[in-house]
Each structure stands twice: as C-alpha cells, then as structure tokens.
C-alpha cells in the first residue's frame, strides 16, 4: 500500500525549522526506521512545523514504523531544541492511501509544492530544508550521520551512518513518466500559489528569512478546525475509482465490526478482514489472506 503521511508539530510551532542538525536527524531516523520496518520511501518534505512522506508499506508494519519514527525523532528534537513537553500535536498521523496513478502524481507534487503554497519560497527548489524534487524521484540517495546529542554510540541499533535510497512507487507508468507528470503538476501548483499570493498582496518570505525564523514561533494564519482526515485519495477526475474505493472501505469496516463483535463474544476463530493490524499483532487474531 502506497500512502502519504502527514504529521504536525504542536500548535504549528516552528520546531522543525530547517538547519543542518535537524535535517540530518530527520534523514537518519527515516533511513534507520524505513529499513527496519520494510518501508519504501518515495518522497518527503520537512517543513518548519510539519512533515509529509510518500511511502509504500512492503511488510504490513506501517504502525510500527510510524510509532518508532515519530517517537525517536520527537525525543531527539526535544533535546536539540531544549523543548519541554510534546513535540507533535494530539492528532494521530494522517495516512492517506493513494489508490490511483493520478493520486500518486498529485500527492508527490503536493509534497514538493508545500513550501511554495505556505508562502515560504517562490519555487520548491528554493526551500532550504528537505524536499524531494521531480528529477530526484527514484534516484536520490542521502546519508545521515548518527546525532551525538541523543543516540547511544554503543548501541548497535544506531549505526554511525544510515543510508536512505529513494525508490519509485509501483504504478502503471514508467519512472520517466512519473517524473514528468510530477514536474507538470508541481508547476501548476506553484502557479496557483503565485496567483493567490498576488491576489492577497503578500510576498514570499525567501530562504534567508525562513532560516532566520525562531523555532519557537508558531504559525498564526487562520485555518479551519476539525478538518476531515481522508482515508484514501484517487485524484482529480477519477469518479469510478472514488466509488470503488468507498465501497472497499465500507466493506472492510463492516467485516471488521462483525469480526470484532464475534471476538468480544468469545469466538476466537473469528476471521478479520485483510488489512487488520492491531488485532493481529496484539491479540494474534486470524486475518484473511489477500
């Protein structure tokens, strides 16, 4: 399953503002835990107060990955920033399944365009933090050094250097087509962002002001409360795929409720639908095969 993951810092505080140590920490954690839990990384963007990931769960261990990635990154960031209390906000991470090629391209470009849509820089490639660009999809390799301010050098779990290699998400398109379409979609999103900024009479911050900002400031722009948190995405103009995805989700939830009801009534051989994680891992419940 290929998904886009999003998680935000507490109250949109700029604790993730780009700098060398923070960027290295993110790459190191992502490299270590993606390898440990079988997560194929396709793209990512680390903004000042949230991050996006596009990944494929190859071993059915996404919850393990999210728990350890977010926990260790948060604890280390708190040491680096000398921050007391929670790093992440109270909402659980957003995990959106990308069910079509169109959805994949749109979400890849969305991650790339995030610094522009936020009014930080005019072009995605000007972002001074971490962002994967179209030409890097499936090609780029990063190395992260073990941060000496948090991880134990004597613990073999933490290698001195961890390598992160981007892979291309599975789709019906060639790698070149994905890169080309992501580039076109990125250009469209950047143009829309420029038009919106012009209409409001606003100016982009620019890389220098982004780097100069305090990590303890927080975003003050208005945003709606309790926005919906989608489970899947199909992309523009994909009505049939949307209907199919909705049907699959409803059938899964119905089957899960029925199996859980049986389990609570003592039927330990109740069959949970494919995709069940907690009951399988925590209670060794039986799960249907694909």
Protein backbone atom coordinates (compact mmCIF):
# COMPACT_ATOMS: atom_id res chain seq x y z
CA UNK A 1 0.00 0.00 0.00
CA UNK A 2 1.38 3.40 -1.02
CA UNK A 3 0.35 6.25 1.27
CA UNK A 4 1.00 9.88 2.04
CA UNK A 5 1.74 10.54 5.71
CA UNK A 6 1.42 13.91 7.40
CA UNK A 7 2.09 14.94 10.99
CA UNK A 8 2.26 18.38 12.56
CA UNK A 9 4.17 19.92 15.41
CA UNK A 10 2.31 21.07 18.49
CA UNK A 11 0.18 24.16 17.79
CA UNK A 12 2.03 24.66 14.47
CA UNK A 13 5.21 25.66 16.31
CA UNK A 14 8.28 26.00 14.05
CA UNK A 15 10.28 23.41 15.98
CA UNK A 16 11.21 21.68 12.71
CA UNK A 17 12.62 24.85 11.12
CA UNK A 18 15.45 23.85 8.76
CA UNK A 19 19.02 23.69 9.97
CA UNK A 20 21.85 21.22 9.41
CA UNK A 21 21.43 19.23 12.62
CA UNK A 22 17.67 18.91 12.32
CA UNK A 23 17.81 17.88 8.66
CA UNK A 24 20.48 15.29 9.43
CA UNK A 25 18.39 13.94 12.33
CA UNK A 26 15.36 13.52 10.05
CA UNK A 27 17.36 11.71 7.37
CA UNK A 28 19.00 9.47 9.96
CA UNK A 29 15.70 8.47 11.61
CA UNK A 30 13.96 7.96 8.28
CA UNK A 31 16.82 5.82 6.96
CA UNK A 32 17.05 3.67 10.11
CA UNK A 33 13.36 3.01 10.63
CA UNK A 34 12.34 2.65 6.97
CA UNK A 35 14.91 -0.14 6.65
CA UNK A 36 13.94 -1.73 9.96
CA UNK A 37 10.23 -1.93 9.13
CA UNK A 38 10.31 -2.50 5.37
CA UNK A 39 9.08 0.94 4.33
CA UNK A 40 9.98 2.03 0.79
CA UNK A 41 10.45 5.82 0.74
CA UNK A 42 9.43 7.68 -2.42
CA UNK A 43 9.34 11.34 -1.40
CA UNK A 44 9.33 13.60 1.66
CA UNK A 45 9.17 17.24 2.67
CA UNK A 46 10.22 18.56 6.07
CA UNK A 47 8.51 21.89 6.71
CA UNK A 48 9.07 24.14 9.72
CA UNK A 49 6.06 22.79 11.60
CA UNK A 50 5.06 19.53 9.88
CA UNK A 51 6.30 16.86 7.53
CA UNK A 52 5.00 14.83 4.59
CA UNK A 53 6.08 11.38 3.47
CA UNK A 54 5.07 9.29 0.46
CA UNK A 55 5.92 5.67 1.20
CA UNK A 56 4.96 2.05 0.49
CA UNK A 57 4.47 -0.41 3.34
CA UNK A 58 6.07 -3.60 1.98
CA UNK A 59 5.74 -5.74 5.13
CA UNK A 60 2.50 -4.60 6.74
CA UNK A 61 4.35 -2.78 9.53
CA UNK A 62 3.32 0.83 8.95
CA UNK A 63 2.07 1.40 12.54
CA UNK A 64 5.39 0.14 13.93
CA UNK A 65 7.27 2.47 11.60
CA UNK A 66 5.15 5.49 12.49
CA UNK A 67 5.45 4.83 16.21
CA UNK A 68 9.23 4.48 16.26
CA UNK A 69 9.97 7.14 13.64
CA UNK A 70 7.84 9.80 15.30
CA UNK A 71 8.80 8.85 18.84
CA UNK A 72 12.57 8.88 18.34
CA UNK A 73 12.55 11.92 16.09
CA UNK A 74 10.47 13.81 18.66
CA UNK A 75 12.67 12.86 21.61
CA UNK A 76 15.86 13.79 19.79
CA UNK A 77 14.38 17.07 18.52
CA UNK A 78 13.34 17.99 22.05
CA UNK A 79 16.94 17.54 23.19
CA UNK A 80 18.24 19.58 20.27
CA UNK A 81 15.71 22.39 20.73
CA UNK A 82 15.72 22.20 24.55
CA UNK A 83 11.95 21.84 24.37
CA UNK A 84 9.77 20.64 27.25
CA UNK A 85 6.54 18.77 26.63
CA UNK A 86 5.10 17.25 23.46
CA UNK A 87 6.58 17.86 20.03
CA UNK A 88 3.68 16.52 17.94
CA UNK A 89 0.10 17.73 18.19
CA UNK A 90 -2.55 15.47 19.70
CA UNK A 91 -4.00 14.32 16.36
CA UNK A 92 -2.83 10.97 15.10
CA UNK A 93 -0.76 10.99 11.90
CA UNK A 94 -2.73 11.34 8.69
CA UNK A 95 -2.26 8.26 6.49
CA UNK A 96 -3.92 8.59 3.07
CA UNK A 97 -3.88 5.58 0.76
CA UNK A 98 -3.04 6.55 -2.84
CA UNK A 99 -5.27 4.29 -4.90
CA UNK A 100 -4.54 5.52 -8.43
CA UNK A 101 -1.65 6.76 -10.54
CA UNK A 102 -3.33 10.16 -10.63
CA UNK A 103 -3.42 10.31 -6.84
CA UNK A 104 0.25 9.32 -6.66
CA UNK A 105 1.34 12.11 -9.03
CA UNK A 106 -0.83 14.70 -7.28
CA UNK A 107 0.44 13.85 -3.81
CA UNK A 108 4.08 13.73 -4.90
CA UNK A 109 3.68 17.21 -6.38
CA UNK A 110 1.72 18.39 -3.34
CA UNK A 111 4.63 17.45 -1.08
CA UNK A 112 7.05 19.27 -3.35
CA UNK A 113 4.90 22.40 -3.63
CA UNK A 114 4.24 22.68 0.12
CA UNK A 115 6.94 25.34 0.79
CA UNK A 116 5.51 27.45 -2.05
CA UNK A 117 1.87 27.07 -1.01
CA UNK A 118 2.90 28.05 2.53
CA UNK A 119 4.33 31.33 1.21
CA UNK A 120 7.87 30.44 2.26
CA UNK A 121 9.66 30.40 -1.13
CA UNK A 122 8.67 31.11 -4.75
CA UNK A 123 9.92 27.76 -6.06
CA UNK A 124 10.09 24.37 -4.37
CA UNK A 125 13.79 24.02 -5.16
CA UNK A 126 14.50 27.19 -3.15
CA UNK A 127 13.34 25.56 0.10
CA UNK A 128 16.37 25.48 2.43
CA UNK A 129 15.13 22.36 4.20
CA UNK A 130 14.49 18.83 2.95
CA UNK A 131 12.31 18.35 -0.12
CA UNK A 132 12.37 15.76 -2.91
CA UNK A 133 12.14 17.29 -6.40
CA UNK A 134 10.79 15.63 -9.58
CA UNK A 135 14.18 14.73 -11.04
CA UNK A 136 15.18 13.04 -7.76
CA UNK A 137 12.26 10.59 -7.68
CA UNK A 138 13.57 7.03 -7.60
CA UNK A 139 17.17 8.24 -7.96
CA UNK A 140 18.36 10.17 -4.93
CA UNK A 141 20.43 8.78 -2.06
CA UNK A 142 21.11 10.53 1.25
CA UNK A 143 23.27 9.61 4.21
CA UNK A 144 22.52 10.64 7.77
CA UNK A 145 25.15 10.62 10.50
CA UNK A 146 24.20 9.43 13.97
CA UNK A 147 23.47 12.59 16.03
CA UNK A 148 25.77 12.58 19.04
CA UNK A 149 23.37 14.58 21.20
CA UNK A 150 20.84 11.76 21.57
CA UNK A 151 21.61 8.28 20.17
CA UNK A 152 23.93 5.90 22.04
CA UNK A 153 27.03 5.11 20.00
CA UNK A 154 27.49 1.83 21.91
CA UNK A 155 24.04 0.56 20.94
CA UNK A 156 24.22 -1.50 17.71
CA UNK A 157 20.70 -0.35 16.85
CA UNK A 158 22.15 3.05 15.95
CA UNK A 159 24.74 2.79 13.15
CA UNK A 160 27.26 5.57 12.72
CA UNK A 161 25.88 6.30 9.26
CA UNK A 162 22.49 5.38 7.79
CA UNK A 163 21.72 5.48 4.07
CA UNK A 164 18.34 6.43 2.62
CA UNK A 165 17.64 5.50 -1.01
CA UNK A 166 14.54 6.73 -2.76
CA UNK A 167 12.56 4.15 -4.69
CA UNK A 168 9.83 4.66 -7.24
CA UNK A 169 6.29 3.78 -6.19
CA UNK A 170 4.58 0.98 -8.06
CA UNK A 171 2.31 2.26 -10.85
CA UNK A 172 1.34 1.57 -14.45
CA UNK A 173 3.64 4.40 -15.58
CA UNK A 174 7.32 4.36 -16.35
CA UNK A 175 9.71 6.14 -13.99
CA UNK A 176 10.26 8.85 -16.59
CA UNK A 177 6.51 9.43 -16.91
CA UNK A 178 6.11 9.79 -13.15
CA UNK A 179 8.90 12.37 -13.02
CA UNK A 180 7.49 14.29 -15.99
CA UNK A 181 3.92 14.34 -14.68
CA UNK A 182 5.07 15.31 -11.19
CA UNK A 183 7.04 18.18 -12.72
CA UNK A 184 3.97 19.40 -14.65
CA UNK A 185 1.75 19.15 -11.56
CA UNK A 186 4.34 20.94 -9.44
CA UNK A 187 4.46 23.80 -11.95
CA UNK A 188 0.66 24.04 -11.83
CA UNK A 189 0.61 24.21 -8.04
CA UNK A 190 3.39 26.79 -7.96
CA UNK A 191 1.49 28.97 -10.45
CA UNK A 192 -1.68 28.74 -8.37
CA UNK A 193 0.28 29.70 -5.25
CA UNK A 194 1.81 32.70 -7.02
CA UNK A 195 -1.62 33.87 -8.17
CA UNK A 196 -3.05 33.55 -4.67
CA UNK A 197 -0.14 35.46 -3.12
CA UNK A 198 -0.52 38.22 -5.73
CA UNK A 199 -4.26 38.44 -5.11
CA UNK A 200 -3.66 38.90 -1.38
CA UNK A 201 -0.81 41.33 -1.89
CA UNK A 202 1.58 39.11 0.05
CA UNK A 203 5.25 38.40 -0.55
CA UNK A 204 7.16 35.15 -0.15
CA UNK A 205 9.46 35.02 2.85
CA UNK A 206 12.50 33.73 0.98
CA UNK A 207 15.11 31.20 2.15
CA UNK A 208 17.05 33.66 4.29
CA UNK A 209 14.05 34.67 6.39
CA UNK A 210 12.96 31.04 6.73
CA UNK A 211 16.35 30.14 8.21
CA UNK A 212 16.40 33.23 10.43
CA UNK A 213 12.99 32.49 11.99
CA UNK A 214 12.87 31.35 15.60
CA UNK A 215 12.00 27.65 16.04
CA UNK A 216 9.79 28.69 18.98
CA UNK A 217 7.49 30.91 16.92
CA UNK A 218 4.28 29.44 15.58
CA UNK A 219 2.09 29.93 12.55
CA UNK A 220 -0.69 32.44 13.19
CA UNK A 221 -2.63 32.20 9.91
CA UNK A 222 -6.26 31.14 10.22
CA UNK A 223 -7.17 27.56 9.44
CA UNK A 224 -10.43 25.65 9.88
CA UNK A 225 -10.78 23.44 12.93
CA UNK A 226 -11.62 19.74 12.72
CA UNK A 227 -10.95 19.37 9.02
CA UNK A 228 -11.78 15.94 7.63
CA UNK A 229 -8.92 13.45 7.61
CA UNK A 230 -9.34 11.38 4.44
CA UNK A 231 -8.55 7.68 4.35
CA UNK A 232 -7.80 7.46 0.63
CA UNK A 233 -7.17 9.62 -2.43
CA UNK A 234 -7.88 8.89 -6.09
CA UNK A 235 -7.00 12.21 -7.77
CA UNK A 236 -8.93 14.57 -9.98
CA UNK A 237 -11.44 13.17 -12.46
CA UNK A 238 -11.38 9.64 -11.02
CA UNK A 239 -15.07 9.20 -10.17
CA UNK A 240 -15.21 5.44 -10.75
CA UNK A 241 -12.08 4.90 -8.68
CA UNK A 242 -13.60 7.04 -5.92
CA UNK A 243 -16.78 4.97 -5.86
CA UNK A 244 -14.79 1.74 -5.84
CA UNK A 245 -12.52 2.93 -3.03
CA UNK A 246 -15.51 3.99 -0.94
CA UNK A 247 -17.14 0.59 -1.46
CA UNK A 248 -13.97 -1.26 -0.46
CA UNK A 249 -13.62 0.86 2.68
CA UNK A 250 -17.24 0.33 3.74
CA UNK A 251 -16.93 -3.43 3.18
CA UNK A 252 -13.74 -3.55 5.25
CA UNK A 253 -15.32 -1.66 8.14
CA UNK A 254 -18.44 -3.83 8.06
CA UNK A 255 -16.39 -7.04 8.07
CA UNK A 256 -14.18 -5.70 10.85
CA UNK A 257 -17.15 -4.75 13.04
CA UNK A 258 -18.69 -8.20 12.58
CA UNK A 259 -15.42 -9.97 13.40
CA UNK A 260 -14.81 -7.76 16.44
CA UNK A 261 -18.34 -8.41 17.71
CA UNK A 262 -17.75 -12.15 17.40
CA UNK A 263 -14.36 -11.85 19.14
CA UNK A 264 -15.88 -9.95 22.05
CA UNK A 265 -18.42 -12.75 22.40
CA UNK A 266 -15.68 -15.31 22.85
CA UNK A 267 -15.34 -16.58 19.27
CA UNK A 268 -11.55 -16.65 18.97
CA UNK A 269 -11.55 -18.07 15.45
CA UNK A 270 -13.38 -15.00 14.10
CA UNK A 271 -11.86 -14.01 10.75
CA UNK A 272 -10.82 -10.36 10.46
CA UNK A 273 -10.55 -8.74 7.01
CA UNK A 274 -7.27 -8.26 5.15
CA UNK A 275 -5.52 -5.13 6.41
CA UNK A 276 -6.33 -5.64 10.10
CA UNK A 277 -3.25 -4.76 12.14
CA UNK A 278 -3.90 -4.23 15.85
CA UNK A 279 -5.96 -7.37 16.45
CA UNK A 280 -3.43 -9.43 14.51
CA UNK A 281 -0.34 -8.05 16.26
CA UNK A 282 -1.70 -7.54 19.76
CA UNK A 283 -4.11 -10.47 20.09
CA UNK A 284 -2.94 -12.89 17.36
CA UNK A 285 -6.38 -12.80 15.72
CA UNK A 286 -6.85 -14.61 12.41
CA UNK A 287 -6.76 -12.33 9.38
CA UNK A 288 -7.91 -13.19 5.87
CA UNK A 289 -5.19 -13.51 3.25
CA UNK A 290 -5.16 -11.44 0.07
